[in-house]
Amino acid sequence: MNLDLELVRTFLAVIEQGGFTRAAGRLHKTQSTISLHIRRLEEIVGRPLFDRQGRGVALTEQGEVLRTYAEALLELNDEALLKLRRPPVTGTVRLGLPEDFATRHLPLVLRRFTAAHPAIRLEVRSALTAELMRDLGNGDLDIVLARREFEATDGDALWREPLVWVGARGRAFAADPLPLVMFPHGCVYRPEVLRRMRACARPWEIVYTSTSLAGVQAAVSAGIGITALAESTVLPEFEILGAADGLPALPDTEIALYAGATRSEAARYLGTYLSDSVQNLAPPARGDSLRDASVRIAR
């Protein structure tokens, strides 16, 4: 048995209009047709839906249950028809992403977007935050997902996770000065990390700089030095370091969505999709294990 959506729509009209006569006028049908629809619906569900003892419109217990499902069914039906009948959105959207976020979290999200909107062409660029924001301001990018400055409130915050100190597993970094591997100027959390290092007593020096996440990870894996990374980018061969190693605490880092001054309909579609999708990725929270975090992200 299947619920007939026309009958379901009549059922809700009777409730909303407060009677069969008003529902008939609302749906441009005769009162006898409305009564027939309700009888057919009651035959399908096998239960009376209206209490016909009184003069008004009163739902039975089964009618109250059906009402909830009926509203959801019609909402989905109307939404589906609206999207299917709407002309496809076309155009090109230039999207900027930080490399560490793009390689781990965004491929599946972007693949699903292009599958749902095949007429929209994506041009994706990965770079440091400063470069992405400069290009957004220049009009060379339409949307940017970037790491937000600490304590900043601009953009639409979508993702938050801890920064952690990491070094090659099993390698001691007791020598002074402590060797640091860093992203160059343009990395949004580099100034804060160095500010905290200057405030601690341990001597340090930057011995290796790379513009790419892969380059920083490779240098750490090789034992060249330690670095600060977003927790989700820590590799299995890394060891998380902290206060016991003479290192200062690090803040959380945030990913925010920024839109250019001129936004096409295609860009608005992508921005909404990214906002909804990224917030559903369940980022790791401070204090959780990396293993638990990766399980949540995969889910």
C-alpha atoms as a PDB file:
ATOM      1  CA  MET A   1       0.000   0.000   0.000  1.00  0.00           C
ATOM      2  CA  ASN A   2       1.139   3.526  -0.792  1.00  0.00           C
ATOM      3  CA  LEU A   3      -0.087   6.850   0.470  1.00  0.00           C
ATOM      4  CA  ASP A   4      -1.585   8.904  -2.359  1.00  0.00           C
ATOM      5  CA  LEU A   5      -0.162  12.411  -2.059  1.00  0.00           C
ATOM      6  CA  GLU A   6      -3.329  13.948  -3.495  1.00  0.00           C
ATOM      7  CA  LEU A   7      -5.313  12.357  -0.676  1.00  0.00           C
ATOM      8  CA  VAL A   8      -2.695  13.456   1.831  1.00  0.00           C
ATOM      9  CA  ARG A   9      -2.940  17.032   0.556  1.00  0.00           C
ATOM     10  CA  THR A  10      -6.728  16.932   0.951  1.00  0.00           C
ATOM     11  CA  PHE A  11      -6.338  15.585   4.497  1.00  0.00           C
ATOM     12  CA  LEU A  12      -4.097  18.510   5.490  1.00  0.00           C
ATOM     13  CA  ALA A  13      -6.381  21.015   3.776  1.00  0.00           C
ATOM     14  CA  VAL A  14      -9.318  19.837   5.863  1.00  0.00           C
ATOM     15  CA  ILE A  15      -7.247  20.318   9.022  1.00  0.00           C
ATOM     16  CA  GLU A  16      -5.860  23.723   8.003  1.00  0.00           C
ATOM     17  CA  GLN A  17      -9.199  25.076   6.766  1.00  0.00           C
ATOM     18  CA  GLY A  18     -11.140  23.725   9.713  1.00  0.00           C
ATOM     19  CA  GLY A  19     -13.696  21.705   7.762  1.00  0.00           C
ATOM     20  CA  PHE A  20     -14.629  19.864   4.578  1.00  0.00           C
ATOM     21  CA  THR A  21     -16.508  22.771   3.001  1.00  0.00           C
ATOM     22  CA  ARG A  22     -13.658  25.257   3.359  1.00  0.00           C
ATOM     23  CA  ALA A  23     -11.162  22.650   2.176  1.00  0.00           C
ATOM     24  CA  ALA A  24     -13.284  22.131  -0.952  1.00  0.00           C
ATOM     25  CA  GLY A  25     -13.103  25.840  -1.714  1.00  0.00           C
ATOM     26  CA  ARG A  26      -9.374  25.952  -1.044  1.00  0.00           C
ATOM     27  CA  LEU A  27      -8.653  23.029  -3.369  1.00  0.00           C
ATOM     28  CA  HIS A  28     -11.303  23.994  -5.947  1.00  0.00           C
ATOM     29  CA  LYS A  29     -13.109  20.672  -5.531  1.00  0.00           C
ATOM     30  CA  THR A  30     -16.646  19.700  -4.523  1.00  0.00           C
ATOM     31  CA  GLN A  31     -17.389  18.789  -0.929  1.00  0.00           C
ATOM     32  CA  SER A  32     -18.341  15.269  -2.027  1.00  0.00           C
ATOM     33  CA  THR A  33     -14.887  14.891  -3.628  1.00  0.00           C
ATOM     34  CA  ILE A  34     -13.221  15.977  -0.381  1.00  0.00           C
ATOM     35  CA  SER A  35     -15.304  13.443   1.569  1.00  0.00           C
ATOM     36  CA  LEU A  36     -14.403  10.731  -0.951  1.00  0.00           C
ATOM     37  CA  HIS A  37     -10.697  11.536  -0.626  1.00  0.00           C
ATOM     38  CA  ILE A  38     -10.809  11.248   3.137  1.00  0.00           C
ATOM     39  CA  ARG A  39     -12.702   7.909   2.983  1.00  0.00           C
ATOM     40  CA  ARG A  40     -10.150   6.528   0.522  1.00  0.00           C
ATOM     41  CA  LEU A  41      -7.284   7.670   2.755  1.00  0.00           C
ATOM     42  CA  GLU A  42      -8.921   6.035   5.785  1.00  0.00           C
ATOM     43  CA  GLU A  43      -9.265   2.816   3.791  1.00  0.00           C
ATOM     44  CA  ILE A  44      -5.545   2.901   2.962  1.00  0.00           C
ATOM     45  CA  VAL A  45      -4.399   3.447   6.553  1.00  0.00           C
ATOM     46  CA  GLY A  46      -7.111   1.187   7.972  1.00  0.00           C
ATOM     47  CA  ARG A  47      -8.106   3.650  10.686  1.00  0.00           C
ATOM     48  CA  PRO A  48     -10.574   6.548  11.067  1.00  0.00           C
ATOM     49  CA  LEU A  49      -8.761   9.862  10.875  1.00  0.00           C
ATOM     50  CA  PHE A  50     -11.501  12.266  12.003  1.00  0.00           C
ATOM     51  CA  ASP A  51     -13.818  12.045  14.980  1.00  0.00           C
ATOM     52  CA  ARG A  52     -17.229  12.555  13.375  1.00  0.00           C
ATOM     53  CA  GLN A  53     -19.199  12.695  16.638  1.00  0.00           C
ATOM     54  CA  GLY A  54     -18.967  16.472  17.037  1.00  0.00           C
ATOM     55  CA  ARG A  55     -19.731  19.312  14.631  1.00  0.00           C
ATOM     56  CA  GLY A  56     -16.155  20.556  14.212  1.00  0.00           C
ATOM     57  CA  VAL A  57     -13.064  18.920  12.746  1.00  0.00           C
ATOM     58  CA  ALA A  58     -11.349  16.783  15.365  1.00  0.00           C
ATOM     59  CA  LEU A  59      -8.562  14.321  14.642  1.00  0.00           C
ATOM     60  CA  THR A  60      -8.477  10.849  16.100  1.00  0.00           C
ATOM     61  CA  GLU A  61      -5.252   9.595  17.662  1.00  0.00           C
ATOM     62  CA  GLN A  62      -4.366   7.940  14.337  1.00  0.00           C
ATOM     63  CA  GLY A  63      -5.169  11.197  12.544  1.00  0.00           C
ATOM     64  CA  GLU A  64      -2.699  13.081  14.746  1.00  0.00           C
ATOM     65  CA  VAL A  65       0.000  10.548  13.904  1.00  0.00           C
ATOM     66  CA  LEU A  66      -0.705  10.800  10.178  1.00  0.00           C
ATOM     67  CA  ARG A  67      -0.674  14.588  10.318  1.00  0.00           C
ATOM     68  CA  THR A  68       3.011  14.654  11.258  1.00  0.00           C
ATOM     69  CA  TYR A  69       3.973  12.318   8.432  1.00  0.00           C
ATOM     70  CA  ALA A  70       1.666  14.069   5.965  1.00  0.00           C
ATOM     71  CA  GLU A  71       3.339  17.431   6.530  1.00  0.00           C
ATOM     72  CA  ALA A  72       6.789  15.887   6.033  1.00  0.00           C
ATOM     73  CA  LEU A  73       5.720  14.005   2.892  1.00  0.00           C
ATOM     74  CA  LEU A  74       4.281  17.072   1.203  1.00  0.00           C
ATOM     75  CA  GLU A  75       7.255  19.222   2.189  1.00  0.00           C
ATOM     76  CA  LEU A  76       9.646  16.732   0.565  1.00  0.00           C
ATOM     77  CA  ASN A  77       7.427  16.380  -2.486  1.00  0.00           C
ATOM     78  CA  ASP A  78       7.184  20.142  -3.031  1.00  0.00           C
ATOM     79  CA  GLU A  79      10.915  20.651  -2.420  1.00  0.00           C
ATOM     80  CA  ALA A  80      11.834  17.904  -4.901  1.00  0.00           C
ATOM     81  CA  LEU A  81       9.580  19.313  -7.612  1.00  0.00           C
ATOM     82  CA  LEU A  82      10.900  22.830  -7.032  1.00  0.00           C
ATOM     83  CA  LYS A  83      14.497  21.708  -7.477  1.00  0.00           C
ATOM     84  CA  LEU A  84      13.793  19.424 -10.425  1.00  0.00           C
ATOM     85  CA  ARG A  85      11.763  22.002 -12.325  1.00  0.00           C
ATOM     86  CA  ARG A  86      14.143  24.871 -11.638  1.00  0.00           C
ATOM     87  CA  PRO A  87      16.488  25.595 -14.557  1.00  0.00           C
ATOM     88  CA  PRO A  88      19.985  24.256 -13.839  1.00  0.00           C
ATOM     89  CA  VAL A  89      22.408  26.769 -12.359  1.00  0.00           C
ATOM     90  CA  THR A  90      25.382  27.346 -14.625  1.00  0.00           C
ATOM     91  CA  GLY A  91      28.651  29.205 -14.362  1.00  0.00           C
ATOM     92  CA  THR A  92      32.182  28.978 -13.045  1.00  0.00           C
ATOM     93  CA  VAL A  93      33.090  29.355  -9.385  1.00  0.00           C
ATOM     94  CA  ARG A  94      36.680  30.081  -8.364  1.00  0.00           C
ATOM     95  CA  LEU A  95      37.288  28.527  -4.951  1.00  0.00           C
ATOM     96  CA  GLY A  96      40.317  29.033  -2.726  1.00  0.00           C
ATOM     97  CA  LEU A  97      41.248  26.491  -0.041  1.00  0.00           C
ATOM     98  CA  PRO A  98      44.083  26.029   2.457  1.00  0.00           C
ATOM     99  CA  GLU A  99      46.099  22.992   1.406  1.00  0.00           C
ATOM    100  CA  ASP A 100      45.907  21.126   4.712  1.00  0.00           C
ATOM    101  CA  PHE A 101      42.109  21.400   4.733  1.00  0.00           C
ATOM    102  CA  ALA A 102      41.638  20.726   1.030  1.00  0.00           C
ATOM    103  CA  THR A 103      43.569  17.471   0.907  1.00  0.00           C
ATOM    104  CA  ARG A 104      41.855  15.812   3.849  1.00  0.00           C
ATOM    105  CA  HIS A 105      38.307  17.079   4.147  1.00  0.00           C
ATOM    106  CA  LEU A 106      37.101  18.644   0.904  1.00  0.00           C
ATOM    107  CA  PRO A 107      37.528  16.140  -1.975  1.00  0.00           C
ATOM    108  CA  LEU A 108      34.368  14.150  -1.186  1.00  0.00           C
ATOM    109  CA  VAL A 109      32.348  17.289  -0.467  1.00  0.00           C
ATOM    110  CA  LEU A 110      33.357  18.868  -3.789  1.00  0.00           C
ATOM    111  CA  ARG A 111      32.742  15.649  -5.695  1.00  0.00           C
ATOM    112  CA  ARG A 112      29.205  15.476  -4.346  1.00  0.00           C
ATOM    113  CA  PHE A 113      28.597  19.120  -5.247  1.00  0.00           C
ATOM    114  CA  THR A 114      29.713  18.659  -8.849  1.00  0.00           C
ATOM    115  CA  ALA A 115      27.564  15.532  -9.121  1.00  0.00           C
ATOM    116  CA  ALA A 116      24.511  17.461  -7.888  1.00  0.00           C
ATOM    117  CA  HIS A 117      25.288  20.540 -10.040  1.00  0.00           C
ATOM    118  CA  PRO A 118      27.028  19.290 -13.187  1.00  0.00           C
ATOM    119  CA  ALA A 119      26.467  22.605 -14.982  1.00  0.00           C
ATOM    120  CA  ILE A 120      28.621  24.470 -12.452  1.00  0.00           C
ATOM    121  CA  ARG A 121      32.362  24.405 -13.194  1.00  0.00           C
ATOM    122  CA  LEU A 122      34.760  24.618 -10.250  1.00  0.00           C
ATOM    123  CA  GLU A 123      38.221  26.123 -10.393  1.00  0.00           C
ATOM    124  CA  VAL A 124      39.986  25.235  -7.144  1.00  0.00           C
ATOM    125  CA  ARG A 125      43.224  26.767  -5.886  1.00  0.00           C
ATOM    126  CA  SER A 126      45.160  25.865  -2.739  1.00  0.00           C
ATOM    127  CA  ALA A 127      47.517  28.381  -1.129  1.00  0.00           C
ATOM    128  CA  LEU A 128      48.427  30.076   2.134  1.00  0.00           C
ATOM    129  CA  THR A 129      45.693  32.091   3.800  1.00  0.00           C
ATOM    130  CA  ALA A 130      47.272  35.478   3.050  1.00  0.00           C
ATOM    131  CA  GLU A 131      47.456  34.681  -0.665  1.00  0.00           C
ATOM    132  CA  LEU A 132      43.883  33.416  -0.780  1.00  0.00           C
ATOM    133  CA  MET A 133      42.514  36.502   0.967  1.00  0.00           C
ATOM    134  CA  ARG A 134      44.514  38.788  -1.318  1.00  0.00           C
ATOM    135  CA  ASP A 135      43.110  37.080  -4.405  1.00  0.00           C
ATOM    136  CA  LEU A 136      39.584  37.257  -2.978  1.00  0.00           C
ATOM    137  CA  GLY A 137      39.971  40.978  -2.450  1.00  0.00           C
ATOM    138  CA  ASN A 138      41.335  41.412  -5.972  1.00  0.00           C
ATOM    139  CA  GLY A 139      38.349  39.600  -7.456  1.00  0.00           C
ATOM    140  CA  ASP A 140      40.448  36.639  -8.607  1.00  0.00           C
ATOM    141  CA  LEU A 141      38.510  34.229  -6.365  1.00  0.00           C
ATOM    142  CA  ASP A 142      34.772  34.019  -5.652  1.00  0.00           C
ATOM    143  CA  ILE A 143      34.795  32.024  -2.406  1.00  0.00           C
ATOM    144  CA  VAL A 144      37.578  31.258   0.042  1.00  0.00           C
ATOM    145  CA  LEU A 145      37.772  28.792   2.894  1.00  0.00           C
ATOM    146  CA  ALA A 146      40.666  30.075   4.966  1.00  0.00           C
ATOM    147  CA  ARG A 147      42.127  29.871   8.429  1.00  0.00           C
ATOM    148  CA  ARG A 148      40.844  32.821  10.416  1.00  0.00           C
ATOM    149  CA  GLU A 149      43.083  35.174  12.377  1.00  0.00           C
ATOM    150  CA  PHE A 150      43.060  34.422  16.093  1.00  0.00           C
ATOM    151  CA  GLU A 151      40.222  36.190  17.914  1.00  0.00           C
ATOM    152  CA  ALA A 152      38.886  37.482  14.580  1.00  0.00           C
ATOM    153  CA  THR A 153      35.145  37.546  13.923  1.00  0.00           C
ATOM    154  CA  ASP A 154      35.048  38.075  10.163  1.00  0.00           C
ATOM    155  CA  GLY A 155      33.750  35.421   7.790  1.00  0.00           C
ATOM    156  CA  ASP A 156      31.428  32.543   8.624  1.00  0.00           C
ATOM    157  CA  ALA A 157      33.209  30.141  10.996  1.00  0.00           C
ATOM    158  CA  LEU A 158      32.728  26.519   9.912  1.00  0.00           C
ATOM    159  CA  TRP A 159      35.428  24.405  11.533  1.00  0.00           C
ATOM    160  CA  ARG A 160      37.478  24.530  14.723  1.00  0.00           C
ATOM    161  CA  GLU A 161      40.274  22.243  15.875  1.00  0.00           C
ATOM    162  CA  PRO A 162      43.406  22.395  18.051  1.00  0.00           C
ATOM    163  CA  LEU A 163      46.919  23.191  16.958  1.00  0.00           C
ATOM    164  CA  VAL A 164      49.431  20.713  18.350  1.00  0.00           C
ATOM    165  CA  TRP A 165      53.223  20.409  18.524  1.00  0.00           C
ATOM    166  CA  VAL A 166      54.550  17.357  16.699  1.00  0.00           C
ATOM    167  CA  GLY A 167      57.905  15.710  16.077  1.00  0.00           C
ATOM    168  CA  ALA A 168      59.141  12.458  14.573  1.00  0.00           C
ATOM    169  CA  ARG A 169      58.167   9.545  16.807  1.00  0.00           C
ATOM    170  CA  GLY A 170      61.019   8.256  18.945  1.00  0.00           C
ATOM    171  CA  ARG A 171      63.312  11.221  18.290  1.00  0.00           C
ATOM    172  CA  ALA A 172      64.324  13.389  21.241  1.00  0.00           C
ATOM    173  CA  PHE A 173      64.602  17.141  20.750  1.00  0.00           C
ATOM    174  CA  ALA A 174      66.602  18.063  23.823  1.00  0.00           C
ATOM    175  CA  ALA A 175      69.241  20.099  21.979  1.00  0.00           C
ATOM    176  CA  ASP A 176      69.299  23.888  22.157  1.00  0.00           C
ATOM    177  CA  PRO A 177      68.300  25.771  20.181  1.00  0.00           C
ATOM    178  CA  LEU A 178      65.181  23.777  19.382  1.00  0.00           C
ATOM    179  CA  PRO A 179      64.840  23.321  15.584  1.00  0.00           C
ATOM    180  CA  LEU A 180      61.508  24.470  14.173  1.00  0.00           C
ATOM    181  CA  VAL A 181      59.901  23.574  10.837  1.00  0.00           C
ATOM    182  CA  MET A 182      57.443  26.270   9.773  1.00  0.00           C
ATOM    183  CA  PHE A 183      55.203  27.511   7.024  1.00  0.00           C
ATOM    184  CA  PRO A 184      56.418  30.874   5.660  1.00  0.00           C
ATOM    185  CA  HIS A 185      54.884  34.317   6.162  1.00  0.00           C
ATOM    186  CA  GLY A 186      51.276  34.122   5.014  1.00  0.00           C
ATOM    187  CA  CYS A 187      50.452  31.192   7.280  1.00  0.00           C
ATOM    188  CA  VAL A 188      47.775  32.597   9.566  1.00  0.00           C
ATOM    189  CA  TYR A 189      48.908  30.828  12.722  1.00  0.00           C
ATOM    190  CA  ARG A 190      52.683  31.339  12.251  1.00  0.00           C
ATOM    191  CA  PRO A 191      52.758  34.742  14.083  1.00  0.00           C
ATOM    192  CA  GLU A 192      50.876  33.363  17.087  1.00  0.00           C
ATOM    193  CA  VAL A 193      53.049  30.240  17.292  1.00  0.00           C
ATOM    194  CA  LEU A 194      56.245  32.307  17.187  1.00  0.00           C
ATOM    195  CA  ARG A 195      54.862  34.805  19.711  1.00  0.00           C
ATOM    196  CA  ARG A 196      54.303  31.971  22.156  1.00  0.00           C
ATOM    197  CA  MET A 197      57.752  30.549  21.480  1.00  0.00           C
ATOM    198  CA  ARG A 198      59.336  33.937  22.222  1.00  0.00           C
ATOM    199  CA  ALA A 199      57.495  33.992  25.552  1.00  0.00           C
ATOM    200  CA  CYS A 200      58.890  30.617  26.665  1.00  0.00           C
ATOM    201  CA  ALA A 201      62.345  30.100  28.162  1.00  0.00           C
ATOM    202  CA  ARG A 202      63.622  27.526  25.687  1.00  0.00           C
ATOM    203  CA  PRO A 203      65.937  28.741  22.885  1.00  0.00           C
ATOM    204  CA  TRP A 204      64.770  27.949  19.348  1.00  0.00           C
ATOM    205  CA  GLU A 205      65.470  28.666  15.697  1.00  0.00           C
ATOM    206  CA  ILE A 206      63.657  28.113  12.395  1.00  0.00           C
ATOM    207  CA  VAL A 207      65.706  25.625  10.396  1.00  0.00           C
ATOM    208  CA  TYR A 208      63.281  24.688   7.609  1.00  0.00           C
ATOM    209  CA  THR A 209      60.458  26.476   5.821  1.00  0.00           C
ATOM    210  CA  SER A 210      58.023  25.057   3.263  1.00  0.00           C
ATOM    211  CA  THR A 211      54.960  26.497   1.559  1.00  0.00           C
ATOM    212  CA  SER A 212      53.284  23.073   1.312  1.00  0.00           C
ATOM    213  CA  LEU A 213      51.826  20.801   3.957  1.00  0.00           C
ATOM    214  CA  ALA A 214      53.569  17.819   2.386  1.00  0.00           C
ATOM    215  CA  GLY A 215      56.913  19.635   2.652  1.00  0.00           C
ATOM    216  CA  VAL A 216      56.425  20.446   6.340  1.00  0.00           C
ATOM    217  CA  GLN A 217      55.309  16.882   7.110  1.00  0.00           C
ATOM    218  CA  ALA A 218      58.286  15.418   5.219  1.00  0.00           C
ATOM    219  CA  ALA A 219      60.738  17.596   7.146  1.00  0.00           C
ATOM    220  CA  VAL A 220      59.235  16.551  10.467  1.00  0.00           C
ATOM    221  CA  SER A 221      59.234  12.864   9.432  1.00  0.00           C
ATOM    222  CA  ALA A 222      62.919  13.156   8.542  1.00  0.00           C
ATOM    223  CA  GLY A 223      63.694  14.470  12.016  1.00  0.00           C
ATOM    224  CA  ILE A 224      64.788  17.931  10.855  1.00  0.00           C
ATOM    225  CA  GLY A 225      62.709  19.633  13.512  1.00  0.00           C
ATOM    226  CA  ILE A 226      59.307  19.960  15.171  1.00  0.00           C
ATOM    227  CA  THR A 227      56.318  21.979  14.026  1.00  0.00           C
ATOM    228  CA  ALA A 228      52.804  23.112  14.917  1.00  0.00           C
ATOM    229  CA  LEU A 229      50.006  21.541  12.869  1.00  0.00           C
ATOM    230  CA  ALA A 230      46.249  21.373  12.903  1.00  0.00           C
ATOM    231  CA  GLU A 231      45.437  18.170  14.760  1.00  0.00           C
ATOM    232  CA  SER A 232      43.694  16.517  11.799  1.00  0.00           C
ATOM    233  CA  THR A 233      46.907  16.714   9.724  1.00  0.00           C
ATOM    234  CA  VAL A 234      49.092  14.815  12.207  1.00  0.00           C
ATOM    235  CA  LEU A 235      50.603  11.704  10.615  1.00  0.00           C
ATOM    236  CA  PRO A 236      50.810   8.305  12.384  1.00  0.00           C
ATOM    237  CA  GLU A 237      54.605   8.547  12.545  1.00  0.00           C
ATOM    238  CA  PHE A 238      54.412  11.797  14.512  1.00  0.00           C
ATOM    239  CA  GLU A 239      54.520  12.172  18.267  1.00  0.00           C
ATOM    240  CA  ILE A 240      52.480  14.898  19.927  1.00  0.00           C
ATOM    241  CA  LEU A 241      54.615  17.111  22.170  1.00  0.00           C
ATOM    242  CA  GLY A 242      53.661  19.542  24.890  1.00  0.00           C
ATOM    243  CA  ALA A 243      54.507  21.220  28.179  1.00  0.00           C
ATOM    244  CA  ALA A 244      56.687  18.296  29.315  1.00  0.00           C
ATOM    245  CA  ASP A 245      58.919  19.042  26.317  1.00  0.00           C
ATOM    246  CA  GLY A 246      59.261  22.696  27.259  1.00  0.00           C
ATOM    247  CA  LEU A 247      56.759  23.878  24.656  1.00  0.00           C
ATOM    248  CA  PRO A 248      54.024  26.483  25.131  1.00  0.00           C
ATOM    249  CA  ALA A 249      50.339  25.685  24.818  1.00  0.00           C
ATOM    250  CA  LEU A 250      48.801  26.393  21.419  1.00  0.00           C
ATOM    251  CA  PRO A 251      45.365  27.830  20.585  1.00  0.00           C
ATOM    252  CA  ASP A 252      42.654  26.361  18.404  1.00  0.00           C
ATOM    253  CA  THR A 253      42.550  27.236  14.725  1.00  0.00           C
ATOM    254  CA  GLU A 254      39.388  28.034  12.773  1.00  0.00           C
ATOM    255  CA  ILE A 255      38.346  27.649   9.165  1.00  0.00           C
ATOM    256  CA  ALA A 256      35.938  30.349   7.973  1.00  0.00           C
ATOM    257  CA  LEU A 257      34.080  30.941   4.712  1.00  0.00           C
ATOM    258  CA  TYR A 258      34.614  34.255   2.934  1.00  0.00           C
ATOM    259  CA  ALA A 259      32.657  35.460  -0.097  1.00  0.00           C
ATOM    260  CA  GLY A 260      33.782  37.943  -2.714  1.00  0.00           C
ATOM    261  CA  ALA A 261      32.037  41.241  -3.330  1.00  0.00           C
ATOM    262  CA  THR A 262      30.363  39.993  -6.508  1.00  0.00           C
ATOM    263  CA  ARG A 263      28.621  36.655  -6.069  1.00  0.00           C
ATOM    264  CA  SER A 264      26.957  34.769  -8.879  1.00  0.00           C
ATOM    265  CA  GLU A 265      24.077  32.378  -8.304  1.00  0.00           C
ATOM    266  CA  ALA A 266      26.522  29.489  -8.793  1.00  0.00           C
ATOM    267  CA  ALA A 267      28.811  30.930  -6.110  1.00  0.00           C
ATOM    268  CA  ARG A 268      25.882  31.296  -3.705  1.00  0.00           C
ATOM    269  CA  TYR A 269      24.956  27.650  -4.296  1.00  0.00           C
ATOM    270  CA  LEU A 270      28.503  26.514  -3.570  1.00  0.00           C
ATOM    271  CA  GLY A 271      28.817  28.722  -0.497  1.00  0.00           C
ATOM    272  CA  THR A 272      25.620  27.325   1.021  1.00  0.00           C
ATOM    273  CA  TYR A 273      26.634  23.768   0.180  1.00  0.00           C
ATOM    274  CA  LEU A 274      30.100  24.164   1.718  1.00  0.00           C
ATOM    275  CA  SER A 275      28.687  25.762   4.852  1.00  0.00           C
ATOM    276  CA  ASP A 276      26.217  22.913   5.402  1.00  0.00           C
ATOM    277  CA  SER A 277      28.639  20.121   4.468  1.00  0.00           C
ATOM    278  CA  VAL A 278      31.726  21.274   6.377  1.00  0.00           C
ATOM    279  CA  GLN A 279      29.778  21.842   9.586  1.00  0.00           C
ATOM    280  CA  ASN A 280      28.532  18.243   9.359  1.00  0.00           C
ATOM    281  CA  LEU A 281      32.059  16.792   9.212  1.00  0.00           C
ATOM    282  CA  ALA A 282      32.282  16.760  13.036  1.00  0.00           C
ATOM    283  CA  PRO A 283      35.821  18.124  13.566  1.00  0.00           C
ATOM    284  CA  PRO A 284      37.904  16.803  16.458  1.00  0.00           C
ATOM    285  CA  ALA A 285      37.608  18.583  19.781  1.00  0.00           C
ATOM    286  CA  ARG A 286      40.457  19.389  22.139  1.00  0.00           C
ATOM    287  CA  GLY A 287      41.182  16.439  24.405  1.00  0.00           C
ATOM    288  CA  ASP A 288      39.923  13.788  21.966  1.00  0.00           C
ATOM    289  CA  SER A 289      42.324  11.221  20.615  1.00  0.00           C
ATOM    290  CA  LEU A 290      43.397  11.457  16.999  1.00  0.00           C
ATOM    291  CA  ARG A 291      41.985   8.006  16.377  1.00  0.00           C
ATOM    292  CA  ASP A 292      38.556   8.970  17.696  1.00  0.00           C
ATOM    293  CA  ALA A 293      38.634  12.193  15.696  1.00  0.00           C
ATOM    294  CA  SER A 294      39.463  10.427  12.477  1.00  0.00           C
ATOM    295  CA  VAL A 295      36.580   7.999  13.035  1.00  0.00           C
ATOM    296  CA  ARG A 296      34.148  10.897  13.411  1.00  0.00           C
ATOM    297  CA  ILE A 297      35.465  12.627  10.299  1.00  0.00           C
ATOM    298  CA  ALA A 298      35.217   9.445   8.233  1.00  0.00           C
ATOM    299  CA  ARG A 299      31.657   8.947   9.386  1.00  0.00           C
END
